[in-house]
Amino acid sequence: FSPTETVAADKAVDRLCAELICPYPPGIPVLMPGEIITSKALEYLQQILADGGKITGCSDPTLQTFNVVRQ
């Protein structure tokens, strides 16, 4: 386990995710701990929210912030 920190969404791109992030629908995780947060993944998750979906498993379901591995 590594130390983590919370950063703004725009600062999370290219950082290691420290939490499970799962949109519903479809209910399939997009990011798992240890994966690199890409701009494409962030855009996809934000579109799910814009379309009325929910984000589960993460500390901030609004996607304003992300928990990442501290550098």
PDB file of N, CA and C in Angstrom:
ATOM      1  N   PHE A   1       0.835  -1.171   0.000  1.00  0.00           N
ATOM      2  CA  PHE A   1       0.000   0.000   0.000  1.00  0.00           C
ATOM      3  C   PHE A   1       0.883   1.238   0.000  1.00  0.00           C
ATOM      4  N   SER A   2       0.525   2.166  -0.809  1.00  0.00           N
ATOM      5  CA  SER A   2       1.282   3.413  -0.924  1.00  0.00           C
ATOM      6  C   SER A   2       0.471   4.560  -0.340  1.00  0.00           C
ATOM      7  N   PRO A   3       1.144   5.610   0.096  1.00  0.00           N
ATOM      8  CA  PRO A   3       0.418   6.797   0.553  1.00  0.00           C
ATOM      9  C   PRO A   3      -0.385   7.395  -0.601  1.00  0.00           C
ATOM     10  N   THR A   4      -1.523   7.969  -0.270  1.00  0.00           N
ATOM     11  CA  THR A   4      -2.384   8.566  -1.296  1.00  0.00           C
ATOM     12  C   THR A   4      -2.633  10.030  -0.981  1.00  0.00           C
ATOM     13  N   GLU A   5      -3.151  10.719  -1.982  1.00  0.00           N
ATOM     14  CA  GLU A   5      -3.555  12.109  -1.814  1.00  0.00           C
ATOM     15  C   GLU A   5      -4.756  12.364  -2.704  1.00  0.00           C
ATOM     16  N   THR A   6      -5.500  13.391  -2.390  1.00  0.00           N
ATOM     17  CA  THR A   6      -6.661  13.781  -3.179  1.00  0.00           C
ATOM     18  C   THR A   6      -6.280  14.984  -4.022  1.00  0.00           C
ATOM     19  N   VAL A   7      -6.562  14.879  -5.337  1.00  0.00           N
ATOM     20  CA  VAL A   7      -6.228  15.968  -6.256  1.00  0.00           C
ATOM     21  C   VAL A   7      -7.443  16.305  -7.110  1.00  0.00           C
ATOM     22  N   ALA A   8      -7.452  17.511  -7.656  1.00  0.00           N
ATOM     23  CA  ALA A   8      -8.513  17.926  -8.580  1.00  0.00           C
ATOM     24  C   ALA A   8      -8.475  17.045  -9.824  1.00  0.00           C
ATOM     25  N   ALA A   9      -9.619  16.897 -10.463  1.00  0.00           N
ATOM     26  CA  ALA A   9      -9.728  16.021 -11.627  1.00  0.00           C
ATOM     27  C   ALA A   9      -8.699  16.352 -12.704  1.00  0.00           C
ATOM     28  N   ASP A  10      -8.489  17.627 -12.989  1.00  0.00           N
ATOM     29  CA  ASP A  10      -7.546  17.987 -14.053  1.00  0.00           C
ATOM     30  C   ASP A  10      -6.103  17.651 -13.683  1.00  0.00           C
ATOM     31  N   LYS A  11      -5.816  17.501 -12.391  1.00  0.00           N
ATOM     32  CA  LYS A  11      -4.466  17.132 -11.944  1.00  0.00           C
ATOM     33  C   LYS A  11      -4.303  15.616 -11.835  1.00  0.00           C
ATOM     34  N   ALA A  12      -5.390  14.871 -11.985  1.00  0.00           N
ATOM     35  CA  ALA A  12      -5.349  13.417 -11.823  1.00  0.00           C
ATOM     36  C   ALA A  12      -4.891  12.682 -13.080  1.00  0.00           C
ATOM     37  N   VAL A  13      -4.990  13.318 -14.227  1.00  0.00           N
ATOM     38  CA  VAL A  13      -4.603  12.666 -15.486  1.00  0.00           C
ATOM     39  C   VAL A  13      -3.120  12.306 -15.436  1.00  0.00           C
ATOM     40  N   ASP A  14      -2.813  11.089 -15.860  1.00  0.00           N
ATOM     41  CA  ASP A  14      -1.459  10.519 -15.878  1.00  0.00           C
ATOM     42  C   ASP A  14      -0.942  10.161 -14.487  1.00  0.00           C
ATOM     43  N   ARG A  15      -1.827  10.130 -13.497  1.00  0.00           N
ATOM     44  CA  ARG A  15      -1.460   9.704 -12.143  1.00  0.00           C
ATOM     45  C   ARG A  15      -2.026   8.309 -11.896  1.00  0.00           C
ATOM     46  N   LEU A  16      -1.483   7.612 -10.890  1.00  0.00           N
ATOM     47  CA  LEU A  16      -1.971   6.285 -10.536  1.00  0.00           C
ATOM     48  C   LEU A  16      -3.222   6.402  -9.668  1.00  0.00           C
ATOM     49  N   CYS A  17      -4.276   5.771 -10.105  1.00  0.00           N
ATOM     50  CA  CYS A  17      -5.538   5.768  -9.370  1.00  0.00           C
ATOM     51  C   CYS A  17      -5.362   4.983  -8.068  1.00  0.00           C
ATOM     52  N   ALA A  18      -5.974   5.463  -6.997  1.00  0.00           N
ATOM     53  CA  ALA A  18      -5.883   4.795  -5.703  1.00  0.00           C
ATOM     54  C   ALA A  18      -7.242   4.270  -5.231  1.00  0.00           C
ATOM     55  N   GLU A  19      -8.220   4.229  -6.133  1.00  0.00           N
ATOM     56  CA  GLU A  19      -9.548   3.763  -5.745  1.00  0.00           C
ATOM     57  C   GLU A  19     -10.263   3.164  -6.952  1.00  0.00           C
ATOM     58  N   LEU A  20     -11.275   2.367  -6.657  1.00  0.00           N
ATOM     59  CA  LEU A  20     -12.111   1.778  -7.695  1.00  0.00           C
ATOM     60  C   LEU A  20     -13.111   2.828  -8.162  1.00  0.00           C
ATOM     61  N   ILE A  21     -13.229   3.000  -9.470  1.00  0.00           N
ATOM     62  CA  ILE A  21     -14.190   3.962 -10.011  1.00  0.00           C
ATOM     63  C   ILE A  21     -15.052   3.227 -11.029  1.00  0.00           C
ATOM     64  N   CYS A  22     -16.340   3.144 -10.702  1.00  0.00           N
ATOM     65  CA  CYS A  22     -17.256   2.311 -11.474  1.00  0.00           C
ATOM     66  C   CYS A  22     -18.522   3.092 -11.829  1.00  0.00           C
ATOM     67  N   PRO A  23     -18.746   3.357 -13.117  1.00  0.00           N
ATOM     68  CA  PRO A  23     -19.980   4.038 -13.510  1.00  0.00           C
ATOM     69  C   PRO A  23     -21.156   3.060 -13.562  1.00  0.00           C
ATOM     70  N   TYR A  24     -22.348   3.588 -13.253  1.00  0.00           N
ATOM     71  CA  TYR A  24     -23.558   2.784 -13.391  1.00  0.00           C
ATOM     72  C   TYR A  24     -24.621   3.625 -14.066  1.00  0.00           C
ATOM     73  N   PRO A  25     -25.181   3.194 -15.164  1.00  0.00           N
ATOM     74  CA  PRO A  25     -24.791   1.999 -15.896  1.00  0.00           C
ATOM     75  C   PRO A  25     -23.464   2.179 -16.630  1.00  0.00           C
ATOM     76  N   PRO A  26     -22.777   1.173 -16.982  1.00  0.00           N
ATOM     77  CA  PRO A  26     -23.122  -0.241 -17.042  1.00  0.00           C
ATOM     78  C   PRO A  26     -22.746  -1.054 -15.809  1.00  0.00           C
ATOM     79  N   GLY A  27     -22.013  -0.477 -14.854  1.00  0.00           N
ATOM     80  CA  GLY A  27     -21.638  -1.234 -13.665  1.00  0.00           C
ATOM     81  C   GLY A  27     -20.325  -1.984 -13.802  1.00  0.00           C
ATOM     82  N   ILE A  28     -19.536  -1.613 -14.787  1.00  0.00           N
ATOM     83  CA  ILE A  28     -18.223  -2.230 -15.014  1.00  0.00           C
ATOM     84  C   ILE A  28     -17.154  -1.206 -14.642  1.00  0.00           C
ATOM     85  N   PRO A  29     -16.198  -1.563 -13.767  1.00  0.00           N
ATOM     86  CA  PRO A  29     -15.171  -0.598 -13.369  1.00  0.00           C
ATOM     87  C   PRO A  29     -14.406  -0.032 -14.567  1.00  0.00           C
ATOM     88  N   VAL A  30     -14.174   1.263 -14.531  1.00  0.00           N
ATOM     89  CA  VAL A  30     -13.368   1.935 -15.555  1.00  0.00           C
ATOM     90  C   VAL A  30     -11.935   2.083 -15.065  1.00  0.00           C
ATOM     91  N   LEU A  31     -11.788   2.356 -13.772  1.00  0.00           N
ATOM     92  CA  LEU A  31     -10.459   2.493 -13.175  1.00  0.00           C
ATOM     93  C   LEU A  31     -10.388   1.661 -11.906  1.00  0.00           C
ATOM     94  N   MET A  32      -9.244   0.989 -11.745  1.00  0.00           N
ATOM     95  CA  MET A  32      -8.982   0.192 -10.549  1.00  0.00           C
ATOM     96  C   MET A  32      -7.723   0.740  -9.895  1.00  0.00           C
ATOM     97  N   PRO A  33      -7.532   0.499  -8.613  1.00  0.00           N
ATOM     98  CA  PRO A  33      -6.305   0.955  -7.967  1.00  0.00           C
ATOM     99  C   PRO A  33      -5.067   0.450  -8.717  1.00  0.00           C
ATOM    100  N   GLY A  34      -4.134   1.364  -8.961  1.00  0.00           N
ATOM    101  CA  GLY A  34      -2.900   1.020  -9.665  1.00  0.00           C
ATOM    102  C   GLY A  34      -2.917   1.341 -11.143  1.00  0.00           C
ATOM    103  N   GLU A  35      -4.090   1.644 -11.692  1.00  0.00           N
ATOM    104  CA  GLU A  35      -4.169   2.003 -13.106  1.00  0.00           C
ATOM    105  C   GLU A  35      -3.902   3.490 -13.298  1.00  0.00           C
ATOM    106  N   ILE A  36      -3.353   3.834 -14.448  1.00  0.00           N
ATOM    107  CA  ILE A  36      -3.114   5.235 -14.780  1.00  0.00           C
ATOM    108  C   ILE A  36      -4.427   5.869 -15.230  1.00  0.00           C
ATOM    109  N   ILE A  37      -4.736   7.018 -14.683  1.00  0.00           N
ATOM    110  CA  ILE A  37      -5.936   7.764 -15.072  1.00  0.00           C
ATOM    111  C   ILE A  37      -5.628   8.491 -16.377  1.00  0.00           C
ATOM    112  N   THR A  38      -6.350   8.143 -17.429  1.00  0.00           N
ATOM    113  CA  THR A  38      -6.140   8.781 -18.729  1.00  0.00           C
ATOM    114  C   THR A  38      -7.200   9.854 -18.960  1.00  0.00           C
ATOM    115  N   SER A  39      -6.903  10.766 -19.859  1.00  0.00           N
ATOM    116  CA  SER A  39      -7.890  11.797 -20.195  1.00  0.00           C
ATOM    117  C   SER A  39      -9.120  11.157 -20.829  1.00  0.00           C
ATOM    118  N   LYS A  40      -8.921  10.081 -21.585  1.00  0.00           N
ATOM    119  CA  LYS A  40     -10.047   9.393 -22.219  1.00  0.00           C
ATOM    120  C   LYS A  40     -10.974   8.778 -21.156  1.00  0.00           C
ATOM    121  N   ALA A  41     -10.395   8.163 -20.133  1.00  0.00           N
ATOM    122  CA  ALA A  41     -11.203   7.581 -19.052  1.00  0.00           C
ATOM    123  C   ALA A  41     -11.961   8.675 -18.306  1.00  0.00           C
ATOM    124  N   LEU A  42     -11.293   9.782 -18.045  1.00  0.00           N
ATOM    125  CA  LEU A  42     -11.931  10.903 -17.343  1.00  0.00           C
ATOM    126  C   LEU A  42     -13.091  11.467 -18.162  1.00  0.00           C
ATOM    127  N   GLU A  43     -12.891  11.647 -19.460  1.00  0.00           N
ATOM    128  CA  GLU A  43     -13.956  12.153 -20.335  1.00  0.00           C
ATOM    129  C   GLU A  43     -15.143  11.193 -20.355  1.00  0.00           C
ATOM    130  N   TYR A  44     -14.860   9.886 -20.425  1.00  0.00           N
ATOM    131  CA  TYR A  44     -15.922   8.884 -20.435  1.00  0.00           C
ATOM    132  C   TYR A  44     -16.740   8.954 -19.143  1.00  0.00           C
ATOM    133  N   LEU A  45     -16.058   9.016 -18.010  1.00  0.00           N
ATOM    134  CA  LEU A  45     -16.749   9.089 -16.721  1.00  0.00           C
ATOM    135  C   LEU A  45     -17.579  10.363 -16.600  1.00  0.00           C
ATOM    136  N   GLN A  46     -17.041  11.475 -17.057  1.00  0.00           N
ATOM    137  CA  GLN A  46     -17.781  12.739 -17.003  1.00  0.00           C
ATOM    138  C   GLN A  46     -19.012  12.692 -17.905  1.00  0.00           C
ATOM    139  N   GLN A  47     -18.915  11.992 -19.036  1.00  0.00           N
ATOM    140  CA  GLN A  47     -20.067  11.852 -19.930  1.00  0.00           C
ATOM    141  C   GLN A  47     -21.158  11.003 -19.280  1.00  0.00           C
ATOM    142  N   ILE A  48     -20.759   9.957 -18.569  1.00  0.00           N
ATOM    143  CA  ILE A  48     -21.735   9.135 -17.839  1.00  0.00           C
ATOM    144  C   ILE A  48     -22.530  10.014 -16.867  1.00  0.00           C
ATOM    145  N   LEU A  49     -21.821  10.872 -16.120  1.00  0.00           N
ATOM    146  CA  LEU A  49     -22.504  11.787 -15.194  1.00  0.00           C
ATOM    147  C   LEU A  49     -23.438  12.736 -15.940  1.00  0.00           C
ATOM    148  N   ALA A  50     -22.964  13.301 -17.042  1.00  0.00           N
ATOM    149  CA  ALA A  50     -23.767  14.250 -17.823  1.00  0.00           C
ATOM    150  C   ALA A  50     -25.034  13.592 -18.365  1.00  0.00           C
ATOM    151  N   ASP A  51     -24.954  12.285 -18.639  1.00  0.00           N
ATOM    152  CA  ASP A  51     -26.099  11.546 -19.166  1.00  0.00           C
ATOM    153  C   ASP A  51     -27.027  11.029 -18.064  1.00  0.00           C
ATOM    154  N   GLY A  52     -26.732  11.389 -16.807  1.00  0.00           N
ATOM    155  CA  GLY A  52     -27.601  10.997 -15.706  1.00  0.00           C
ATOM    156  C   GLY A  52     -27.183   9.744 -14.966  1.00  0.00           C
ATOM    157  N   GLY A  53     -26.037   9.177 -15.320  1.00  0.00           N
ATOM    158  CA  GLY A  53     -25.549   7.987 -14.625  1.00  0.00           C
ATOM    159  C   GLY A  53     -24.949   8.339 -13.277  1.00  0.00           C
ATOM    160  N   LYS A  54     -24.538   7.311 -12.561  1.00  0.00           N
ATOM    161  CA  LYS A  54     -23.928   7.490 -11.245  1.00  0.00           C
ATOM    162  C   LYS A  54     -22.537   6.874 -11.253  1.00  0.00           C
ATOM    163  N   ILE A  55     -21.676   7.398 -10.398  1.00  0.00           N
ATOM    164  CA  ILE A  55     -20.336   6.856 -10.237  1.00  0.00           C
ATOM    165  C   ILE A  55     -20.257   6.264  -8.836  1.00  0.00           C
ATOM    166  N   THR A  56     -19.854   4.997  -8.750  1.00  0.00           N
ATOM    167  CA  THR A  56     -19.779   4.323  -7.457  1.00  0.00           C
ATOM    168  C   THR A  56     -18.350   3.885  -7.165  1.00  0.00           C
ATOM    169  N   GLY A  57     -18.104   3.586  -5.906  1.00  0.00           N
ATOM    170  CA  GLY A  57     -16.820   3.030  -5.492  1.00  0.00           C
ATOM    171  C   GLY A  57     -15.763   4.053  -5.139  1.00  0.00           C
ATOM    172  N   CYS A  58     -15.961   5.301  -5.505  1.00  0.00           N
ATOM    173  CA  CYS A  58     -14.925   6.312  -5.262  1.00  0.00           C
ATOM    174  C   CYS A  58     -15.361   7.266  -4.153  1.00  0.00           C
ATOM    175  N   SER A  59     -14.403   8.009  -3.638  1.00  0.00           N
ATOM    176  CA  SER A  59     -14.688   8.919  -2.527  1.00  0.00           C
ATOM    177  C   SER A  59     -15.462  10.163  -2.962  1.00  0.00           C
ATOM    178  N   ASP A  60     -15.368  10.523  -4.239  1.00  0.00           N
ATOM    179  CA  ASP A  60     -16.070  11.714  -4.741  1.00  0.00           C
ATOM    180  C   ASP A  60     -16.867  11.344  -5.993  1.00  0.00           C
ATOM    181  N   PRO A  61     -18.131  10.955  -5.838  1.00  0.00           N
ATOM    182  CA  PRO A  61     -18.930  10.546  -6.993  1.00  0.00           C
ATOM    183  C   PRO A  61     -19.259  11.676  -7.964  1.00  0.00           C
ATOM    184  N   THR A  62     -18.892  12.921  -7.623  1.00  0.00           N
ATOM    185  CA  THR A  62     -19.078  14.031  -8.560  1.00  0.00           C
ATOM    186  C   THR A  62     -17.888  14.160  -9.514  1.00  0.00           C
ATOM    187  N   LEU A  63     -16.814  13.425  -9.235  1.00  0.00           N
ATOM    188  CA  LEU A  63     -15.581  13.428 -10.046  1.00  0.00           C
ATOM    189  C   LEU A  63     -14.854  14.767 -10.050  1.00  0.00           C
ATOM    190  N   GLN A  64     -15.107  15.579  -9.036  1.00  0.00           N
ATOM    191  CA  GLN A  64     -14.345  16.827  -8.918  1.00  0.00           C
ATOM    192  C   GLN A  64     -12.934  16.543  -8.424  1.00  0.00           C
ATOM    193  N   THR A  65     -12.791  15.479  -7.611  1.00  0.00           N
ATOM    194  CA  THR A  65     -11.485  15.088  -7.092  1.00  0.00           C
ATOM    195  C   THR A  65     -11.295  13.581  -7.229  1.00  0.00           C
ATOM    196  N   PHE A  66     -10.037  13.167  -7.219  1.00  0.00           N
ATOM    197  CA  PHE A  66      -9.675  11.752  -7.302  1.00  0.00           C
ATOM    198  C   PHE A  66      -8.626  11.441  -6.245  1.00  0.00           C
ATOM    199  N   ASN A  67      -8.693  10.242  -5.692  1.00  0.00           N
ATOM    200  CA  ASN A  67      -7.623   9.763  -4.822  1.00  0.00           C
ATOM    201  C   ASN A  67      -6.585   9.089  -5.706  1.00  0.00           C
ATOM    202  N   VAL A  68      -5.354   9.552  -5.595  1.00  0.00           N
ATOM    203  CA  VAL A  68      -4.255   9.030  -6.404  1.00  0.00           C
ATOM    204  C   VAL A  68      -3.098   8.652  -5.484  1.00  0.00           C
ATOM    205  N   VAL A  69      -2.175   7.848  -6.014  1.00  0.00           N
ATOM    206  CA  VAL A  69      -0.975   7.492  -5.266  1.00  0.00           C
ATOM    207  C   VAL A  69      -0.084   8.724  -5.182  1.00  0.00           C
ATOM    208  N   ARG A  70       0.363   9.030  -3.979  1.00  0.00           N
ATOM    209  CA  ARG A  70       1.228  10.199  -3.772  1.00  0.00           C
ATOM    210  C   ARG A  70       2.544   9.998  -4.515  1.00  0.00           C
ATOM    211  N   GLN A  71       3.019  11.052  -5.148  1.00  0.00           N
ATOM    212  CA  GLN A  71       4.271  10.971  -5.916  1.00  0.00           C
ATOM    213  C   GLN A  71       5.455  11.229  -5.034  1.00  0.00           C
TER     214      GLN A  71
END
